[in-house]
Amino acid sequence: MTLSCVAVAGWTLAGLLGAWALEQRRRLELVARADHELRGPAALLFLAVERMRRDPAGRGYAAPLETELERLRAGLADLAAARDGRHRRRREDRSELEPLVRSSLDAWRSALRAAGRPVCIDWRAGRAAVRADRGSLARAVGNVVANAAEHGEGPVELRAERNGRAVRLEVRNGSGAGSDRPGRGRGRGLRIASDAARDAGGSLRLVRSNSDVVAELELPGDEDRGDPPRAA
């Protein structure tokens, strides 16, 4: 290859790299703008939920919204971190599991009831707690419940029990029109849930049982209170 050919190839490569860098900068600017526009409404929502929690008439609606806002908070932190090519910093807190699970289900209860789909909770894990990043925990539980509500059919049944020191949550629903294969229907939400479960020190497994889909979410228990089972 002659020197002139090498020079042309070098300039061509430099031009392509320059165009790629400009495109990446444009995309990062779009992400930054979206992040900025989401943070304002999110801050107002956090304030509104805090006011609802102090109001006896709105207290019952505050918990489901608060749990979903934890997912929003984690998503915004991920978005900000991704712009710098890093992961969101996780912070471990002790969270009681039953209120979080029930509030995740309550967020969907009205829509499921309107669709003629009953919700059943069989809680046998007592006052189980998990020491993990609360945003990751809300994501793991919230995405599993959301997939059952959005892509399933028939009743949504949740069972929680001890498995040694761990807590196992099973969310069962009819398979519906969605699919549990990656890239369709359930794929993205369950991949997010699986990553979030791993961040919380647990795991997620999806299995088929006859015509049902069962999401098995296992999380490390922080303490065993041994309280009696409760159903709803």
C-alpha atoms as a PDB file:
ATOM      1  CA  MET A   1       0.000   0.000   0.000  1.00  0.00           C
ATOM      2  CA  THR A   2       1.399   3.405  -0.932  1.00  0.00           C
ATOM      3  CA  LEU A   3       1.782   6.254   1.516  1.00  0.00           C
ATOM      4  CA  SER A   4      -1.032   8.156  -0.217  1.00  0.00           C
ATOM      5  CA  CYS A   5      -3.404   5.208   0.263  1.00  0.00           C
ATOM      6  CA  VAL A   6      -2.468   4.949   3.936  1.00  0.00           C
ATOM      7  CA  ALA A   7      -3.094   8.689   4.360  1.00  0.00           C
ATOM      8  CA  VAL A   8      -6.519   8.448   2.685  1.00  0.00           C
ATOM      9  CA  ALA A   9      -7.454   5.466   4.863  1.00  0.00           C
ATOM     10  CA  GLY A  10      -6.307   7.342   7.957  1.00  0.00           C
ATOM     11  CA  TRP A  11      -8.314  10.454   7.110  1.00  0.00           C
ATOM     12  CA  THR A  12     -11.366   8.311   6.321  1.00  0.00           C
ATOM     13  CA  LEU A  13     -11.113   6.535   9.667  1.00  0.00           C
ATOM     14  CA  ALA A  14     -10.621   9.844  11.476  1.00  0.00           C
ATOM     15  CA  GLY A  15     -13.719  11.239   9.742  1.00  0.00           C
ATOM     16  CA  LEU A  16     -15.807   8.205  10.728  1.00  0.00           C
ATOM     17  CA  LEU A  17     -14.629   8.407  14.331  1.00  0.00           C
ATOM     18  CA  GLY A  18     -15.386  12.121  14.403  1.00  0.00           C
ATOM     19  CA  ALA A  19     -18.907  11.546  13.067  1.00  0.00           C
ATOM     20  CA  TRP A  20     -19.436   8.758  15.628  1.00  0.00           C
ATOM     21  CA  ALA A  21     -18.272  11.025  18.464  1.00  0.00           C
ATOM     22  CA  LEU A  22     -20.649  13.793  17.359  1.00  0.00           C
ATOM     23  CA  GLU A  23     -23.545  11.337  17.208  1.00  0.00           C
ATOM     24  CA  GLN A  24     -22.731  10.031  20.696  1.00  0.00           C
ATOM     25  CA  ARG A  25     -22.589  13.599  22.004  1.00  0.00           C
ATOM     26  CA  ARG A  26     -25.965  14.343  20.408  1.00  0.00           C
ATOM     27  CA  ARG A  27     -27.497  11.264  22.021  1.00  0.00           C
ATOM     28  CA  LEU A  28     -26.061  12.126  25.434  1.00  0.00           C
ATOM     29  CA  GLU A  29     -27.517  15.627  25.142  1.00  0.00           C
ATOM     30  CA  LEU A  30     -30.947  14.135  24.370  1.00  0.00           C
ATOM     31  CA  VAL A  31     -30.631  11.875  27.431  1.00  0.00           C
ATOM     32  CA  ALA A  32     -29.580  14.849  29.572  1.00  0.00           C
ATOM     33  CA  ARG A  33     -32.618  16.846  28.423  1.00  0.00           C
ATOM     34  CA  ALA A  34     -34.976  13.944  29.112  1.00  0.00           C
ATOM     35  CA  ASP A  35     -33.405  13.498  32.561  1.00  0.00           C
ATOM     36  CA  HIS A  36     -33.846  17.212  33.297  1.00  0.00           C
ATOM     37  CA  GLU A  37     -37.500  17.218  32.215  1.00  0.00           C
ATOM     38  CA  LEU A  38     -38.330  14.115  34.267  1.00  0.00           C
ATOM     39  CA  ARG A  39     -36.789  15.390  37.487  1.00  0.00           C
ATOM     40  CA  GLY A  40     -39.102  18.400  37.856  1.00  0.00           C
ATOM     41  CA  PRO A  41     -42.409  16.463  37.722  1.00  0.00           C
ATOM     42  CA  ALA A  42     -40.840  13.679  39.820  1.00  0.00           C
ATOM     43  CA  ALA A  43     -39.948  16.146  42.586  1.00  0.00           C
ATOM     44  CA  LEU A  44     -43.546  17.432  42.655  1.00  0.00           C
ATOM     45  CA  LEU A  45     -44.858  13.859  42.830  1.00  0.00           C
ATOM     46  CA  PHE A  46     -42.601  13.105  45.803  1.00  0.00           C
ATOM     47  CA  LEU A  47     -43.925  16.190  47.588  1.00  0.00           C
ATOM     48  CA  ALA A  48     -47.555  15.294  46.772  1.00  0.00           C
ATOM     49  CA  VAL A  49     -47.141  11.764  48.153  1.00  0.00           C
ATOM     50  CA  GLU A  50     -45.551  13.137  51.313  1.00  0.00           C
ATOM     51  CA  ARG A  51     -48.599  15.378  51.811  1.00  0.00           C
ATOM     52  CA  MET A  52     -50.935  12.451  51.155  1.00  0.00           C
ATOM     53  CA  ARG A  53     -49.139  10.428  53.840  1.00  0.00           C
ATOM     54  CA  ARG A  54     -49.885  13.170  56.400  1.00  0.00           C
ATOM     55  CA  ASP A  55     -53.559  13.355  55.358  1.00  0.00           C
ATOM     56  CA  PRO A  56     -55.757  10.612  56.908  1.00  0.00           C
ATOM     57  CA  ALA A  57     -58.019  10.636  53.838  1.00  0.00           C
ATOM     58  CA  GLY A  58     -55.116  10.056  51.445  1.00  0.00           C
ATOM     59  CA  ARG A  59     -52.909   7.823  53.570  1.00  0.00           C
ATOM     60  CA  GLY A  60     -54.242   4.641  51.999  1.00  0.00           C
ATOM     61  CA  TYR A  61     -53.182   5.799  48.532  1.00  0.00           C
ATOM     62  CA  ALA A  62     -49.734   6.983  49.575  1.00  0.00           C
ATOM     63  CA  ALA A  63     -48.000   3.618  50.060  1.00  0.00           C
ATOM     64  CA  PRO A  64     -48.538   2.237  46.500  1.00  0.00           C
ATOM     65  CA  LEU A  65     -47.471   5.566  44.981  1.00  0.00           C
ATOM     66  CA  GLU A  66     -44.437   5.738  47.253  1.00  0.00           C
ATOM     67  CA  THR A  67     -43.273   2.278  46.164  1.00  0.00           C
ATOM     68  CA  GLU A  68     -43.639   3.143  42.491  1.00  0.00           C
ATOM     69  CA  LEU A  69     -41.787   6.408  43.081  1.00  0.00           C
ATOM     70  CA  GLU A  70     -38.897   4.386  44.508  1.00  0.00           C
ATOM     71  CA  ARG A  71     -38.657   2.731  41.102  1.00  0.00           C
ATOM     72  CA  LEU A  72     -38.795   6.142  39.432  1.00  0.00           C
ATOM     73  CA  ARG A  73     -36.079   7.479  41.721  1.00  0.00           C
ATOM     74  CA  ALA A  74     -33.835   4.508  40.925  1.00  0.00           C
ATOM     75  CA  GLY A  75     -34.510   4.901  37.194  1.00  0.00           C
ATOM     76  CA  LEU A  76     -33.568   8.581  37.251  1.00  0.00           C
ATOM     77  CA  ALA A  77     -30.375   7.769  39.163  1.00  0.00           C
ATOM     78  CA  ASP A  78     -29.544   5.096  36.578  1.00  0.00           C
ATOM     79  CA  LEU A  79     -30.152   7.585  33.777  1.00  0.00           C
ATOM     80  CA  ALA A  80     -27.855  10.161  35.335  1.00  0.00           C
ATOM     81  CA  ALA A  81     -25.128   7.584  36.002  1.00  0.00           C
ATOM     82  CA  ALA A  82     -25.364   6.123  32.485  1.00  0.00           C
ATOM     83  CA  ARG A  83     -24.462   9.497  30.979  1.00  0.00           C
ATOM     84  CA  ASP A  84     -21.098   9.211  32.751  1.00  0.00           C
ATOM     85  CA  GLY A  85     -20.652   5.569  31.786  1.00  0.00           C
ATOM     86  CA  ARG A  86     -21.132   4.220  35.293  1.00  0.00           C
ATOM     87  CA  HIS A  87     -23.726   2.445  37.437  1.00  0.00           C
ATOM     88  CA  ARG A  88     -25.950   4.046  40.037  1.00  0.00           C
ATOM     89  CA  ARG A  89     -24.570   3.915  43.560  1.00  0.00           C
ATOM     90  CA  ARG A  90     -26.534   1.418  45.657  1.00  0.00           C
ATOM     91  CA  ARG A  91     -27.356   2.123  49.288  1.00  0.00           C
ATOM     92  CA  GLU A  92     -28.333  -0.681  51.649  1.00  0.00           C
ATOM     93  CA  ASP A  93     -31.330  -0.076  53.907  1.00  0.00           C
ATOM     94  CA  ARG A  94     -33.421  -2.449  55.969  1.00  0.00           C
ATOM     95  CA  SER A  95     -36.877  -2.795  54.401  1.00  0.00           C
ATOM     96  CA  GLU A  96     -39.784  -4.823  55.700  1.00  0.00           C
ATOM     97  CA  LEU A  97     -40.923  -6.914  52.763  1.00  0.00           C
ATOM     98  CA  GLU A  98     -44.659  -7.380  53.242  1.00  0.00           C
ATOM     99  CA  PRO A  99     -45.667  -3.664  53.057  1.00  0.00           C
ATOM    100  CA  LEU A 100     -43.559  -3.224  49.926  1.00  0.00           C
ATOM    101  CA  VAL A 101     -45.096  -6.274  48.227  1.00  0.00           C
ATOM    102  CA  ARG A 102     -48.645  -5.330  49.170  1.00  0.00           C
ATOM    103  CA  SER A 103     -48.200  -1.751  47.977  1.00  0.00           C
ATOM    104  CA  SER A 104     -46.820  -3.028  44.638  1.00  0.00           C
ATOM    105  CA  LEU A 105     -49.953  -5.151  44.238  1.00  0.00           C
ATOM    106  CA  ASP A 106     -52.235  -2.335  45.407  1.00  0.00           C
ATOM    107  CA  ALA A 107     -50.911  -0.152  42.583  1.00  0.00           C
ATOM    108  CA  TRP A 108     -52.474  -2.623  40.122  1.00  0.00           C
ATOM    109  CA  ARG A 109     -55.486  -3.756  42.153  1.00  0.00           C
ATOM    110  CA  SER A 110     -58.024  -1.332  40.626  1.00  0.00           C
ATOM    111  CA  ALA A 111     -56.996  -2.131  37.043  1.00  0.00           C
ATOM    112  CA  LEU A 112     -57.048  -5.875  37.750  1.00  0.00           C
ATOM    113  CA  ARG A 113     -60.453  -5.628  39.436  1.00  0.00           C
ATOM    114  CA  ALA A 114     -61.823  -3.704  36.443  1.00  0.00           C
ATOM    115  CA  ALA A 115     -60.572  -6.518  34.192  1.00  0.00           C
ATOM    116  CA  GLY A 116     -62.292  -9.134  36.368  1.00  0.00           C
ATOM    117  CA  ARG A 117     -58.982 -10.487  37.674  1.00  0.00           C
ATOM    118  CA  PRO A 118     -58.921 -11.143  41.427  1.00  0.00           C
ATOM    119  CA  VAL A 119     -55.769 -10.678  43.500  1.00  0.00           C
ATOM    120  CA  CYS A 120     -54.882 -13.209  46.193  1.00  0.00           C
ATOM    121  CA  ILE A 121     -52.027 -12.935  48.724  1.00  0.00           C
ATOM    122  CA  ASP A 122     -50.961 -15.853  50.892  1.00  0.00           C
ATOM    123  CA  TRP A 123     -48.321 -14.397  53.199  1.00  0.00           C
ATOM    124  CA  ARG A 124     -46.453 -16.998  55.250  1.00  0.00           C
ATOM    125  CA  ALA A 125     -43.141 -15.190  55.680  1.00  0.00           C
ATOM    126  CA  GLY A 126     -43.950 -13.264  58.859  1.00  0.00           C
ATOM    127  CA  ARG A 127     -42.347  -9.854  59.291  1.00  0.00           C
ATOM    128  CA  ALA A 128     -39.553 -10.664  56.871  1.00  0.00           C
ATOM    129  CA  ALA A 129     -37.072  -7.898  56.167  1.00  0.00           C
ATOM    130  CA  VAL A 130     -34.372  -7.506  53.541  1.00  0.00           C
ATOM    131  CA  ARG A 131     -31.200  -5.431  53.830  1.00  0.00           C
ATOM    132  CA  ALA A 132     -30.702  -4.127  50.301  1.00  0.00           C
ATOM    133  CA  ASP A 133     -30.928  -1.060  48.121  1.00  0.00           C
ATOM    134  CA  ARG A 134     -34.595  -0.059  48.344  1.00  0.00           C
ATOM    135  CA  GLY A 135     -34.735   1.066  44.713  1.00  0.00           C
ATOM    136  CA  SER A 136     -33.452  -2.333  43.552  1.00  0.00           C
ATOM    137  CA  LEU A 137     -35.929  -4.075  45.827  1.00  0.00           C
ATOM    138  CA  ALA A 138     -38.868  -2.011  44.534  1.00  0.00           C
ATOM    139  CA  ARG A 139     -37.758  -2.724  40.961  1.00  0.00           C
ATOM    140  CA  ALA A 140     -37.491  -6.464  41.495  1.00  0.00           C
ATOM    141  CA  VAL A 141     -40.933  -6.772  43.094  1.00  0.00           C
ATOM    142  CA  GLY A 142     -42.598  -4.074  40.970  1.00  0.00           C
ATOM    143  CA  ASN A 143     -41.519  -5.507  37.616  1.00  0.00           C
ATOM    144  CA  VAL A 144     -42.590  -9.042  38.549  1.00  0.00           C
ATOM    145  CA  VAL A 145     -46.035  -7.783  39.618  1.00  0.00           C
ATOM    146  CA  ALA A 146     -46.322  -5.484  36.571  1.00  0.00           C
ATOM    147  CA  ASN A 147     -45.555  -8.353  34.183  1.00  0.00           C
ATOM    148  CA  ALA A 148     -48.222 -10.517  35.791  1.00  0.00           C
ATOM    149  CA  ALA A 149     -50.743  -7.661  35.552  1.00  0.00           C
ATOM    150  CA  GLU A 150     -49.891  -6.479  32.025  1.00  0.00           C
ATOM    151  CA  HIS A 151     -49.140  -9.742  30.229  1.00  0.00           C
ATOM    152  CA  GLY A 152     -51.087 -12.373  32.152  1.00  0.00           C
ATOM    153  CA  GLU A 153     -54.720 -13.347  32.451  1.00  0.00           C
ATOM    154  CA  GLY A 154     -56.922 -14.716  35.210  1.00  0.00           C
ATOM    155  CA  PRO A 155     -56.177 -14.294  38.926  1.00  0.00           C
ATOM    156  CA  VAL A 156     -52.877 -12.923  40.178  1.00  0.00           C
ATOM    157  CA  GLU A 157     -51.783 -15.065  43.111  1.00  0.00           C
ATOM    158  CA  LEU A 158     -48.856 -14.221  45.345  1.00  0.00           C
ATOM    159  CA  ARG A 159     -47.422 -16.588  47.924  1.00  0.00           C
ATOM    160  CA  ALA A 160     -44.601 -15.706  50.311  1.00  0.00           C
ATOM    161  CA  GLU A 161     -42.801 -18.168  52.548  1.00  0.00           C
ATOM    162  CA  ARG A 162     -39.486 -18.831  54.228  1.00  0.00           C
ATOM    163  CA  ASN A 163     -36.846 -20.882  52.461  1.00  0.00           C
ATOM    164  CA  GLY A 164     -34.190 -21.270  55.114  1.00  0.00           C
ATOM    165  CA  ARG A 165     -33.018 -17.739  55.910  1.00  0.00           C
ATOM    166  CA  ALA A 166     -34.242 -16.478  52.557  1.00  0.00           C
ATOM    167  CA  VAL A 167     -37.747 -15.331  51.580  1.00  0.00           C
ATOM    168  CA  ARG A 168     -39.363 -16.763  48.456  1.00  0.00           C
ATOM    169  CA  LEU A 169     -42.077 -14.829  46.627  1.00  0.00           C
ATOM    170  CA  GLU A 170     -44.084 -16.681  43.989  1.00  0.00           C
ATOM    171  CA  VAL A 171     -46.297 -14.665  41.644  1.00  0.00           C
ATOM    172  CA  ARG A 172     -48.589 -16.899  39.599  1.00  0.00           C
ATOM    173  CA  ASN A 173     -50.922 -15.939  36.752  1.00  0.00           C
ATOM    174  CA  GLY A 174     -52.287 -17.293  33.472  1.00  0.00           C
ATOM    175  CA  SER A 175     -49.884 -17.081  30.529  1.00  0.00           C
ATOM    176  CA  GLY A 176     -52.172 -14.795  28.498  1.00  0.00           C
ATOM    177  CA  ALA A 177     -51.036 -13.357  25.199  1.00  0.00           C
ATOM    178  CA  GLY A 178     -47.610 -12.308  26.445  1.00  0.00           C
ATOM    179  CA  SER A 179     -44.472 -14.377  26.244  1.00  0.00           C
ATOM    180  CA  ASP A 180     -41.781 -15.187  28.768  1.00  0.00           C
ATOM    181  CA  ARG A 181     -39.113 -15.331  26.072  1.00  0.00           C
ATOM    182  CA  PRO A 182     -36.572 -12.481  26.005  1.00  0.00           C
ATOM    183  CA  GLY A 183     -37.348  -9.711  23.553  1.00  0.00           C
ATOM    184  CA  ARG A 184     -41.120 -10.139  23.645  1.00  0.00           C
ATOM    185  CA  GLY A 185     -43.775  -9.114  26.127  1.00  0.00           C
ATOM    186  CA  ARG A 186     -42.222  -9.963  29.461  1.00  0.00           C
ATOM    187  CA  GLY A 187     -38.590  -9.917  28.355  1.00  0.00           C
ATOM    188  CA  ARG A 188     -37.374  -6.425  29.277  1.00  0.00           C
ATOM    189  CA  GLY A 189     -39.273  -6.076  32.560  1.00  0.00           C
ATOM    190  CA  LEU A 190     -38.128  -9.453  33.788  1.00  0.00           C
ATOM    191  CA  ARG A 191     -34.536  -8.789  32.764  1.00  0.00           C
ATOM    192  CA  ILE A 192     -34.675  -5.582  34.832  1.00  0.00           C
ATOM    193  CA  ALA A 193     -36.279  -7.508  37.707  1.00  0.00           C
ATOM    194  CA  SER A 194     -33.603 -10.210  37.489  1.00  0.00           C
ATOM    195  CA  ASP A 195     -30.782  -7.635  37.599  1.00  0.00           C
ATOM    196  CA  ALA A 196     -32.482  -5.809  40.489  1.00  0.00           C
ATOM    197  CA  ALA A 197     -32.941  -9.078  42.409  1.00  0.00           C
ATOM    198  CA  ARG A 198     -29.247  -9.832  41.955  1.00  0.00           C
ATOM    199  CA  ASP A 199     -28.365  -6.311  43.184  1.00  0.00           C
ATOM    200  CA  ALA A 200     -30.466  -7.051  46.282  1.00  0.00           C
ATOM    201  CA  GLY A 201     -28.564 -10.312  46.862  1.00  0.00           C
ATOM    202  CA  GLY A 202     -31.294 -12.578  45.502  1.00  0.00           C
ATOM    203  CA  SER A 203     -32.403 -14.243  42.286  1.00  0.00           C
ATOM    204  CA  LEU A 204     -35.374 -14.497  39.921  1.00  0.00           C
ATOM    205  CA  ARG A 205     -36.565 -17.596  38.075  1.00  0.00           C
ATOM    206  CA  LEU A 206     -39.477 -17.912  35.643  1.00  0.00           C
ATOM    207  CA  VAL A 207     -41.181 -21.294  35.266  1.00  0.00           C
ATOM    208  CA  ARG A 208     -44.287 -22.611  33.546  1.00  0.00           C
ATOM    209  CA  SER A 209     -46.749 -24.729  35.477  1.00  0.00           C
ATOM    210  CA  ASN A 210     -49.448 -26.171  33.210  1.00  0.00           C
ATOM    211  CA  SER A 211     -51.074 -23.057  31.683  1.00  0.00           C
ATOM    212  CA  ASP A 212     -49.678 -20.707  34.352  1.00  0.00           C
ATOM    213  CA  VAL A 213     -46.513 -18.651  34.544  1.00  0.00           C
ATOM    214  CA  VAL A 214     -44.812 -18.519  37.947  1.00  0.00           C
ATOM    215  CA  ALA A 215     -42.161 -15.930  38.768  1.00  0.00           C
ATOM    216  CA  GLU A 216     -40.079 -17.117  41.723  1.00  0.00           C
ATOM    217  CA  LEU A 217     -38.275 -14.253  43.426  1.00  0.00           C
ATOM    218  CA  GLU A 218     -35.906 -15.251  46.234  1.00  0.00           C
ATOM    219  CA  LEU A 219     -34.441 -12.595  48.528  1.00  0.00           C
ATOM    220  CA  PRO A 220     -32.103 -12.858  51.523  1.00  0.00           C
ATOM    221  CA  GLY A 221     -34.025 -12.414  54.789  1.00  0.00           C
ATOM    222  CA  ASP A 222     -32.545 -10.056  57.361  1.00  0.00           C
ATOM    223  CA  GLU A 223     -34.481 -11.258  60.392  1.00  0.00           C
ATOM    224  CA  ASP A 224     -37.027 -13.928  61.328  1.00  0.00           C
ATOM    225  CA  ARG A 225     -39.890 -12.746  63.514  1.00  0.00           C
ATOM    226  CA  GLY A 226     -41.966 -15.927  63.118  1.00  0.00           C
ATOM    227  CA  ASP A 227     -45.320 -14.147  62.853  1.00  0.00           C
ATOM    228  CA  PRO A 228     -48.416 -16.156  61.844  1.00  0.00           C
ATOM    229  CA  PRO A 229     -49.476 -16.409  58.155  1.00  0.00           C
ATOM    230  CA  ARG A 230     -51.808 -13.774  56.736  1.00  0.00           C
ATOM    231  CA  ALA A 231     -53.912 -13.962  53.594  1.00  0.00           C
ATOM    232  CA  ALA A 232     -55.809 -11.358  51.578  1.00  0.00           C
END
